Structure formats: C-alpha cells, structure tokens
Amino acid sequence: MSDDSLNLLCAGAVQGLVRLLQPRFSAETGATLNARFGAVGAMKEALAAGTPCDVMIVTDAMVVELQASGALSLKPPAPLGRVRTGVAVRSGEPRPDIATPAALAASLRAARAVYFPDPQRSTAGIHFASVLDRLGLSEELAPRLHTFPNGATAMRELADIGTGAIGCTQITEIMYTPGITLVGPLPDEFELATVYTAAVALRAAQPVLAQRFIDLLAGPGTRALRADGGFEFD
C-alpha cells in the first residue's frame, strides 16, 4: 500500500468514470486522486501553466498535439472509447423530437432555455455553437442560451432548474448526471464522436502509479462500465 497522491487533469466527459473508479483505485493502491475536471481547452491551459499533472485525460487529438509539443510522454496513450454529443431534458419531461435538423431546430425554438458548455474551450460547447450557427438560430436563441464552464455543470443546472429546457453536451456527461434523461445523439448531419484518451505527463511525479491508473481506466476490466456510461467502441 502507498500514501502517494496522483494528480489528474481530466476532460469533463470522463469525470463520471473517474469518480466511479476512484474508490477502487484508492483501495488497491492506497493512493489518493487529486483530480481537476473541466473543458478540454481549460485542461490544456492548466497543464501549460504548470499545474501538477501525472495523468492527462483529454481528446485523442489533443493528446497527440501535447505529445508532439513535449508535454506528454511518448509512451502509447490509452484510448477509453468514443463519445457522441447528445441532447438531454429533465427527467420526467417530454422528450423532444431531434431526429432531423428541422426537428431539432423546432425543438430548440420551443425550449424555454438551452444549456450547454463553454463554446470557446469545451469540445461539445464548440460543436453545439456551430450547430446553432448552421441552423441559423444563434441570434434568435441568444437570450435563452445558458453556457457553463463544462458539460457536467451545465447538466446539473439543467437538472436543478431547467424546466422546459434542453441541454446539449457529451453523452457521458448526460449519463452520469442524476435528474436528466438522454433524448439521443444529435442528428446524423451534426454528429460529433470524440475519442478520449489518457496519457502520462512527461513531468509526472508518479509515472508508475499514473500508468497503473491508466491501465485500470482504459483496460478490458472496465470496458462494460465505460459502455454503460456512454462510451462506444469500434
């Protein structure tokens, strides 16, 4: 057993999975997890600012970028699975029609409010903002758009006060938030499927412990747990 601690910088889309596995990892190793969750862009900024990091969990594309820049170890990263962007409503409320772009547009117009993550630094937020642009709804819906630092926060707010509202973020963030229901993924025309990956930081203080956590997070023993939480696999 160990009294070591492990520092994580983790995309919000993986927050639910990390929290589920934290007790198991701590029981097996004696280590504590110091995890910071947020938008992918915010995690990149935190790493660049020198925030302690042993394990980085962000999009696969960003892991490749950070490896190339020398911020992450060149050891092969570990993909966790693919996550689609989806639509949610409060549990118990009618599920709007989102099957086609026209249906999605009509449902968004009918919503009292629209909740989604940071349109500048969050993967889902950036994408959903582009969907609103493509639907020609950005200006029309501007007074009803509510953005938050990450998808988990947006979904908690939807669960708490989002009567008659619609939310959009990564499906894993929807699945792990009590009080909201997944309506479904965005229409095929607007689909976004993002692979999330874990990698050891180049300057990790605990590289062996970091790899052990990654092996648990991305290994075959947690595949079913990931699938239940909204991760998909080829």
C-alpha atoms as a PDB file:
ATOM      1  CA  MET A   1       0.000   0.000   0.000  1.00  0.00           C
ATOM      2  CA  SER A   2       1.038   3.600  -0.534  1.00  0.00           C
ATOM      3  CA  ASP A   3       0.121   7.026   0.748  1.00  0.00           C
ATOM      4  CA  ASP A   4       1.022   8.637  -2.567  1.00  0.00           C
ATOM      5  CA  SER A   5      -1.278  11.002  -4.418  1.00  0.00           C
ATOM      6  CA  LEU A   6      -1.925  11.131  -8.136  1.00  0.00           C
ATOM      7  CA  ASN A   7      -2.721  14.370  -9.944  1.00  0.00           C
ATOM      8  CA  LEU A   8      -5.152  14.256 -12.849  1.00  0.00           C
ATOM      9  CA  LEU A   9      -6.190  16.845 -15.397  1.00  0.00           C
ATOM     10  CA  CYS A  10      -9.330  15.402 -16.925  1.00  0.00           C
ATOM     11  CA  ALA A  11     -11.907  16.366 -19.533  1.00  0.00           C
ATOM     12  CA  GLY A  12     -15.399  16.697 -18.128  1.00  0.00           C
ATOM     13  CA  ALA A  13     -16.643  13.928 -20.413  1.00  0.00           C
ATOM     14  CA  VAL A  14     -14.610  11.412 -18.373  1.00  0.00           C
ATOM     15  CA  GLN A  15     -15.421  12.837 -14.938  1.00  0.00           C
ATOM     16  CA  GLY A  16     -18.160  10.325 -14.101  1.00  0.00           C
ATOM     17  CA  LEU A  17     -15.961   7.353 -14.959  1.00  0.00           C
ATOM     18  CA  VAL A  18     -13.014   8.652 -12.920  1.00  0.00           C
ATOM     19  CA  ARG A  19     -15.215   9.266  -9.888  1.00  0.00           C
ATOM     20  CA  LEU A  20     -16.658   5.756 -10.113  1.00  0.00           C
ATOM     21  CA  LEU A  21     -13.214   4.175 -10.232  1.00  0.00           C
ATOM     22  CA  GLN A  22     -11.606   6.384  -7.606  1.00  0.00           C
ATOM     23  CA  PRO A  23     -12.605   4.256  -4.560  1.00  0.00           C
ATOM     24  CA  ARG A  24     -11.406   1.067  -6.241  1.00  0.00           C
ATOM     25  CA  PHE A  25      -8.076   2.578  -7.210  1.00  0.00           C
ATOM     26  CA  SER A  26      -7.525   4.008  -3.745  1.00  0.00           C
ATOM     27  CA  ALA A  27      -8.408   0.673  -2.115  1.00  0.00           C
ATOM     28  CA  GLU A  28      -5.974  -1.201  -4.361  1.00  0.00           C
ATOM     29  CA  THR A  29      -3.058   1.230  -4.098  1.00  0.00           C
ATOM     30  CA  GLY A  30      -3.604   3.374  -1.018  1.00  0.00           C
ATOM     31  CA  ALA A  31      -3.189   6.381  -3.289  1.00  0.00           C
ATOM     32  CA  THR A  32      -5.474   9.398  -3.373  1.00  0.00           C
ATOM     33  CA  LEU A  33      -6.616  11.035  -6.588  1.00  0.00           C
ATOM     34  CA  ASN A  34      -6.372  14.799  -6.894  1.00  0.00           C
ATOM     35  CA  ALA A  35      -8.474  15.299  -9.990  1.00  0.00           C
ATOM     36  CA  ARG A  36      -9.287  18.548 -11.712  1.00  0.00           C
ATOM     37  CA  PHE A  37     -12.113  18.359 -14.249  1.00  0.00           C
ATOM     38  CA  GLY A  38     -13.145  20.813 -16.919  1.00  0.00           C
ATOM     39  CA  ALA A  39     -13.316  21.759 -20.563  1.00  0.00           C
ATOM     40  CA  VAL A  40     -10.583  20.272 -22.726  1.00  0.00           C
ATOM     41  CA  GLY A  41      -9.181  23.696 -23.536  1.00  0.00           C
ATOM     42  CA  ALA A  42      -9.063  24.589 -19.857  1.00  0.00           C
ATOM     43  CA  MET A  43      -7.135  21.389 -19.073  1.00  0.00           C
ATOM     44  CA  LYS A  44      -4.590  22.223 -21.762  1.00  0.00           C
ATOM     45  CA  GLU A  45      -4.185  25.705 -20.289  1.00  0.00           C
ATOM     46  CA  ALA A  46      -3.754  24.265 -16.797  1.00  0.00           C
ATOM     47  CA  LEU A  47      -1.005  21.905 -17.964  1.00  0.00           C
ATOM     48  CA  ALA A  48       0.801  24.744 -19.745  1.00  0.00           C
ATOM     49  CA  ALA A  49       0.543  26.875 -16.592  1.00  0.00           C
ATOM     50  CA  GLY A  50       2.391  24.243 -14.586  1.00  0.00           C
ATOM     51  CA  THR A  51      -0.486  22.670 -12.682  1.00  0.00           C
ATOM     52  CA  PRO A  52       0.769  19.376 -11.183  1.00  0.00           C
ATOM     53  CA  CYS A  53      -0.212  16.552 -13.507  1.00  0.00           C
ATOM     54  CA  ASP A  54       0.583  12.840 -13.597  1.00  0.00           C
ATOM     55  CA  VAL A  55      -2.255  11.768 -15.903  1.00  0.00           C
ATOM     56  CA  MET A  56      -3.812  13.828 -18.692  1.00  0.00           C
ATOM     57  CA  ILE A  57      -7.220  12.703 -19.980  1.00  0.00           C
ATOM     58  CA  VAL A  58      -8.449  14.736 -22.950  1.00  0.00           C
ATOM     59  CA  THR A  59      -9.387  14.207 -26.578  1.00  0.00           C
ATOM     60  CA  ASP A  60      -7.185  11.917 -28.620  1.00  0.00           C
ATOM     61  CA  ALA A  61      -6.356  14.793 -30.967  1.00  0.00           C
ATOM     62  CA  MET A  62      -5.137  16.930 -28.077  1.00  0.00           C
ATOM     63  CA  VAL A  63      -3.058  14.078 -26.639  1.00  0.00           C
ATOM     64  CA  VAL A  64      -1.288  13.761 -29.993  1.00  0.00           C
ATOM     65  CA  GLU A  65      -0.723  17.525 -30.044  1.00  0.00           C
ATOM     66  CA  LEU A  66       0.662  17.571 -26.498  1.00  0.00           C
ATOM     67  CA  GLN A  67       2.929  14.624 -27.171  1.00  0.00           C
ATOM     68  CA  ALA A  68       4.342  16.425 -30.183  1.00  0.00           C
ATOM     69  CA  SER A  69       4.980  19.523 -28.076  1.00  0.00           C
ATOM     70  CA  GLY A  70       6.804  17.522 -25.405  1.00  0.00           C
ATOM     71  CA  ALA A  71       4.208  17.949 -22.669  1.00  0.00           C
ATOM     72  CA  LEU A  72       3.173  14.293 -22.516  1.00  0.00           C
ATOM     73  CA  SER A  73       5.149  11.074 -22.535  1.00  0.00           C
ATOM     74  CA  LEU A  74       5.598   9.429 -25.935  1.00  0.00           C
ATOM     75  CA  LYS A  75       4.531   6.106 -24.464  1.00  0.00           C
ATOM     76  CA  PRO A  76       1.476   4.898 -26.439  1.00  0.00           C
ATOM     77  CA  PRO A  77      -1.622   6.567 -24.966  1.00  0.00           C
ATOM     78  CA  ALA A  78      -4.696   4.598 -23.918  1.00  0.00           C
ATOM     79  CA  PRO A  79      -7.994   5.351 -25.672  1.00  0.00           C
ATOM     80  CA  LEU A  80     -11.059   4.997 -23.451  1.00  0.00           C
ATOM     81  CA  GLY A  81     -13.643   4.969 -26.206  1.00  0.00           C
ATOM     82  CA  ARG A  82     -15.691   7.235 -28.422  1.00  0.00           C
ATOM     83  CA  VAL A  83     -18.281   9.648 -27.026  1.00  0.00           C
ATOM     84  CA  ARG A  84     -21.032  11.240 -29.058  1.00  0.00           C
ATOM     85  CA  THR A  85     -22.640  14.612 -28.384  1.00  0.00           C
ATOM     86  CA  GLY A  86     -26.254  14.358 -27.310  1.00  0.00           C
ATOM     87  CA  VAL A  87     -29.375  16.162 -26.161  1.00  0.00           C
ATOM     88  CA  ALA A  88     -30.964  15.938 -22.717  1.00  0.00           C
ATOM     89  CA  VAL A  89     -34.024  17.117 -20.793  1.00  0.00           C
ATOM     90  CA  ARG A  90     -35.009  16.949 -17.142  1.00  0.00           C
ATOM     91  CA  SER A  91     -36.194  13.513 -16.076  1.00  0.00           C
ATOM     92  CA  GLY A  92     -39.948  13.138 -16.365  1.00  0.00           C
ATOM     93  CA  GLU A  93     -40.364  15.794 -19.035  1.00  0.00           C
ATOM     94  CA  PRO A  94     -41.446  15.029 -22.616  1.00  0.00           C
ATOM     95  CA  ARG A  95     -38.629  14.077 -24.956  1.00  0.00           C
ATOM     96  CA  PRO A  96     -38.452  16.495 -27.894  1.00  0.00           C
ATOM     97  CA  ASP A  97     -38.062  15.344 -31.463  1.00  0.00           C
ATOM     98  CA  ILE A  98     -34.424  15.744 -32.538  1.00  0.00           C
ATOM     99  CA  ALA A  99     -34.316  13.124 -35.294  1.00  0.00           C
ATOM    100  CA  THR A 100     -33.631  15.586 -38.125  1.00  0.00           C
ATOM    101  CA  PRO A 101     -32.117  19.072 -38.362  1.00  0.00           C
ATOM    102  CA  ALA A 102     -35.591  20.546 -38.892  1.00  0.00           C
ATOM    103  CA  ALA A 103     -36.984  18.704 -35.868  1.00  0.00           C
ATOM    104  CA  LEU A 104     -34.027  19.751 -33.727  1.00  0.00           C
ATOM    105  CA  ALA A 105     -34.474  23.378 -34.769  1.00  0.00           C
ATOM    106  CA  ALA A 106     -38.176  23.286 -33.914  1.00  0.00           C
ATOM    107  CA  SER A 107     -37.484  21.732 -30.513  1.00  0.00           C
ATOM    108  CA  LEU A 108     -34.805  24.300 -29.720  1.00  0.00           C
ATOM    109  CA  ARG A 109     -37.175  27.128 -30.662  1.00  0.00           C
ATOM    110  CA  ALA A 110     -39.824  25.642 -28.367  1.00  0.00           C
ATOM    111  CA  ALA A 111     -37.475  25.291 -25.383  1.00  0.00           C
ATOM    112  CA  ARG A 112     -37.618  27.843 -22.573  1.00  0.00           C
ATOM    113  CA  ALA A 113     -33.821  27.699 -22.278  1.00  0.00           C
ATOM    114  CA  VAL A 114     -30.834  25.876 -23.780  1.00  0.00           C
ATOM    115  CA  TYR A 115     -27.982  24.670 -21.558  1.00  0.00           C
ATOM    116  CA  PHE A 116     -24.551  23.739 -22.900  1.00  0.00           C
ATOM    117  CA  PRO A 117     -20.843  24.014 -22.013  1.00  0.00           C
ATOM    118  CA  ASP A 118     -18.259  26.680 -22.837  1.00  0.00           C
ATOM    119  CA  PRO A 119     -18.463  27.433 -26.585  1.00  0.00           C
ATOM    120  CA  GLN A 120     -14.821  28.515 -26.637  1.00  0.00           C
ATOM    121  CA  ARG A 121     -12.926  25.768 -24.759  1.00  0.00           C
ATOM    122  CA  SER A 122     -15.258  22.769 -24.432  1.00  0.00           C
ATOM    123  CA  THR A 123     -15.407  20.138 -27.191  1.00  0.00           C
ATOM    124  CA  ALA A 124     -19.189  19.789 -27.016  1.00  0.00           C
ATOM    125  CA  GLY A 125     -19.754  23.509 -26.499  1.00  0.00           C
ATOM    126  CA  ILE A 126     -17.697  24.497 -29.537  1.00  0.00           C
ATOM    127  CA  HIS A 127     -19.547  21.942 -31.637  1.00  0.00           C
ATOM    128  CA  PHE A 128     -23.028  22.845 -30.429  1.00  0.00           C
ATOM    129  CA  ALA A 129     -22.367  26.530 -31.061  1.00  0.00           C
ATOM    130  CA  SER A 130     -21.517  25.605 -34.647  1.00  0.00           C
ATOM    131  CA  VAL A 131     -24.751  23.588 -34.878  1.00  0.00           C
ATOM    132  CA  LEU A 132     -26.737  26.639 -33.790  1.00  0.00           C
ATOM    133  CA  ASP A 133     -24.958  28.662 -36.470  1.00  0.00           C
ATOM    134  CA  ARG A 134     -25.723  26.076 -39.138  1.00  0.00           C
ATOM    135  CA  LEU A 135     -29.378  26.054 -38.102  1.00  0.00           C
ATOM    136  CA  GLY A 136     -29.471  29.850 -38.213  1.00  0.00           C
ATOM    137  CA  LEU A 137     -30.541  30.017 -34.565  1.00  0.00           C
ATOM    138  CA  SER A 138     -27.609  31.697 -32.816  1.00  0.00           C
ATOM    139  CA  GLU A 139     -29.095  35.188 -32.768  1.00  0.00           C
ATOM    140  CA  GLU A 140     -32.701  34.108 -32.350  1.00  0.00           C
ATOM    141  CA  LEU A 141     -31.952  31.962 -29.310  1.00  0.00           C
ATOM    142  CA  ALA A 142     -29.246  34.176 -27.777  1.00  0.00           C
ATOM    143  CA  PRO A 143     -31.446  35.399 -24.870  1.00  0.00           C
ATOM    144  CA  ARG A 144     -32.200  31.777 -23.929  1.00  0.00           C
ATOM    145  CA  LEU A 145     -28.688  30.340 -24.218  1.00  0.00           C
ATOM    146  CA  HIS A 146     -27.029  29.438 -20.919  1.00  0.00           C
ATOM    147  CA  THR A 147     -23.382  28.387 -21.038  1.00  0.00           C
ATOM    148  CA  PHE A 148     -21.243  26.909 -18.260  1.00  0.00           C
ATOM    149  CA  PRO A 149     -17.545  26.117 -17.774  1.00  0.00           C
ATOM    150  CA  ASN A 150     -18.120  22.431 -18.564  1.00  0.00           C
ATOM    151  CA  GLY A 151     -20.820  19.987 -19.525  1.00  0.00           C
ATOM    152  CA  ALA A 152     -21.190  18.468 -16.069  1.00  0.00           C
ATOM    153  CA  THR A 153     -22.072  21.861 -14.602  1.00  0.00           C
ATOM    154  CA  ALA A 154     -24.461  22.594 -17.471  1.00  0.00           C
ATOM    155  CA  MET A 155     -26.271  19.289 -16.894  1.00  0.00           C
ATOM    156  CA  ARG A 156     -26.504  19.796 -13.114  1.00  0.00           C
ATOM    157  CA  GLU A 157     -28.070  23.195 -13.739  1.00  0.00           C
ATOM    158  CA  LEU A 158     -30.481  21.638 -16.225  1.00  0.00           C
ATOM    159  CA  ALA A 159     -31.467  19.040 -13.622  1.00  0.00           C
ATOM    160  CA  ASP A 160     -31.972  21.678 -10.924  1.00  0.00           C
ATOM    161  CA  ILE A 161     -33.790  24.496 -12.683  1.00  0.00           C
ATOM    162  CA  GLY A 162     -34.220  23.573 -16.349  1.00  0.00           C
ATOM    163  CA  THR A 163     -37.987  23.167 -16.549  1.00  0.00           C
ATOM    164  CA  GLY A 164     -38.975  23.158 -20.215  1.00  0.00           C
ATOM    165  CA  ALA A 165     -35.326  23.440 -21.220  1.00  0.00           C
ATOM    166  CA  ILE A 166     -32.990  21.441 -23.445  1.00  0.00           C
ATOM    167  CA  GLY A 167     -29.345  20.623 -22.793  1.00  0.00           C
ATOM    168  CA  CYS A 168     -26.563  19.541 -25.100  1.00  0.00           C
ATOM    169  CA  THR A 169     -23.184  18.073 -24.189  1.00  0.00           C
ATOM    170  CA  GLN A 170     -21.184  14.843 -24.375  1.00  0.00           C
ATOM    171  CA  ILE A 171     -23.392  11.803 -23.757  1.00  0.00           C
ATOM    172  CA  THR A 172     -21.185  10.576 -20.904  1.00  0.00           C
ATOM    173  CA  GLU A 173     -21.848  13.801 -19.003  1.00  0.00           C
ATOM    174  CA  ILE A 174     -25.570  13.294 -19.548  1.00  0.00           C
ATOM    175  CA  MET A 175     -25.497   9.655 -18.451  1.00  0.00           C
ATOM    176  CA  TYR A 176     -23.657  10.398 -15.212  1.00  0.00           C
ATOM    177  CA  THR A 177     -25.894  13.302 -14.121  1.00  0.00           C
ATOM    178  CA  PRO A 178     -28.881  12.417 -11.910  1.00  0.00           C
ATOM    179  CA  GLY A 179     -32.149  14.090 -12.743  1.00  0.00           C
ATOM    180  CA  ILE A 180     -31.771  14.346 -16.503  1.00  0.00           C
ATOM    181  CA  THR A 181     -32.611  11.976 -19.351  1.00  0.00           C
ATOM    182  CA  LEU A 182     -30.759  11.381 -22.594  1.00  0.00           C
ATOM    183  CA  VAL A 183     -33.017  12.133 -25.557  1.00  0.00           C
ATOM    184  CA  GLY A 184     -30.450  10.876 -28.047  1.00  0.00           C
ATOM    185  CA  PRO A 185     -27.423  11.904 -30.068  1.00  0.00           C
ATOM    186  CA  LEU A 186     -27.533  14.884 -32.377  1.00  0.00           C
ATOM    187  CA  PRO A 187     -28.918  14.173 -35.855  1.00  0.00           C
ATOM    188  CA  ASP A 188     -26.511  12.412 -38.193  1.00  0.00           C
ATOM    189  CA  GLU A 189     -25.877  15.636 -40.086  1.00  0.00           C
ATOM    190  CA  PHE A 190     -24.479  17.179 -36.899  1.00  0.00           C
ATOM    191  CA  GLU A 191     -22.880  14.127 -35.348  1.00  0.00           C
ATOM    192  CA  LEU A 192     -19.723  14.581 -33.329  1.00  0.00           C
ATOM    193  CA  ALA A 193     -17.988  11.471 -31.978  1.00  0.00           C
ATOM    194  CA  THR A 194     -14.911  12.241 -29.899  1.00  0.00           C
ATOM    195  CA  VAL A 195     -12.310   9.719 -28.748  1.00  0.00           C
ATOM    196  CA  TYR A 196     -10.998  10.404 -25.256  1.00  0.00           C
ATOM    197  CA  THR A 197      -7.527   9.202 -24.323  1.00  0.00           C
ATOM    198  CA  ALA A 198      -5.357   9.003 -21.212  1.00  0.00           C
ATOM    199  CA  ALA A 199      -1.605   9.609 -21.209  1.00  0.00           C
ATOM    200  CA  VAL A 200       1.193  10.042 -18.678  1.00  0.00           C
ATOM    201  CA  ALA A 201       2.524  13.575 -18.308  1.00  0.00           C
ATOM    202  CA  LEU A 202       6.174  13.989 -19.273  1.00  0.00           C
ATOM    203  CA  ARG A 203       6.993  15.507 -15.877  1.00  0.00           C
ATOM    204  CA  ALA A 204       4.787  13.154 -13.862  1.00  0.00           C
ATOM    205  CA  ALA A 205       5.867  12.866 -10.233  1.00  0.00           C
ATOM    206  CA  GLN A 206       4.305   9.385 -10.079  1.00  0.00           C
ATOM    207  CA  PRO A 207       4.780   7.804 -13.536  1.00  0.00           C
ATOM    208  CA  VAL A 208       4.395   4.193 -12.361  1.00  0.00           C
ATOM    209  CA  LEU A 209       1.255   4.956 -10.374  1.00  0.00           C
ATOM    210  CA  ALA A 210      -0.020   7.027 -13.297  1.00  0.00           C
ATOM    211  CA  GLN A 211       0.322   4.092 -15.666  1.00  0.00           C
ATOM    212  CA  ARG A 212      -1.431   1.819 -13.192  1.00  0.00           C
ATOM    213  CA  PHE A 213      -4.403   4.168 -13.067  1.00  0.00           C
ATOM    214  CA  ILE A 214      -4.491   4.403 -16.857  1.00  0.00           C
ATOM    215  CA  ASP A 215      -4.422   0.612 -17.135  1.00  0.00           C
ATOM    216  CA  LEU A 216      -7.474   0.463 -14.860  1.00  0.00           C
ATOM    217  CA  LEU A 217      -9.282   3.297 -16.618  1.00  0.00           C
ATOM    218  CA  ALA A 218      -8.784   2.025 -20.172  1.00  0.00           C
ATOM    219  CA  GLY A 219      -8.387  -1.701 -19.589  1.00  0.00           C
ATOM    220  CA  PRO A 220     -10.712  -4.574 -20.509  1.00  0.00           C
ATOM    221  CA  GLY A 221     -11.928  -4.884 -16.926  1.00  0.00           C
ATOM    222  CA  THR A 222     -13.765  -1.556 -17.134  1.00  0.00           C
ATOM    223  CA  ARG A 223     -14.997  -1.813 -20.729  1.00  0.00           C
ATOM    224  CA  ALA A 224     -18.556  -2.707 -19.669  1.00  0.00           C
ATOM    225  CA  LEU A 225     -18.588   0.143 -17.148  1.00  0.00           C
ATOM    226  CA  ARG A 226     -17.489   2.563 -19.839  1.00  0.00           C
ATOM    227  CA  ALA A 227     -20.151   1.284 -22.223  1.00  0.00           C
ATOM    228  CA  ASP A 228     -22.859   1.737 -19.581  1.00  0.00           C
ATOM    229  CA  GLY A 229     -21.703   5.329 -19.141  1.00  0.00           C
ATOM    230  CA  GLY A 230     -21.928   6.266 -22.813  1.00  0.00           C
ATOM    231  CA  PHE A 231     -18.555   5.286 -24.284  1.00  0.00           C
ATOM    232  CA  GLU A 232     -18.650   3.463 -27.601  1.00  0.00           C
ATOM    233  CA  PHE A 233     -16.103   1.184 -29.255  1.00  0.00           C
ATOM    234  CA  ASP A 234     -15.282   0.140 -32.815  1.00  0.00           C
END
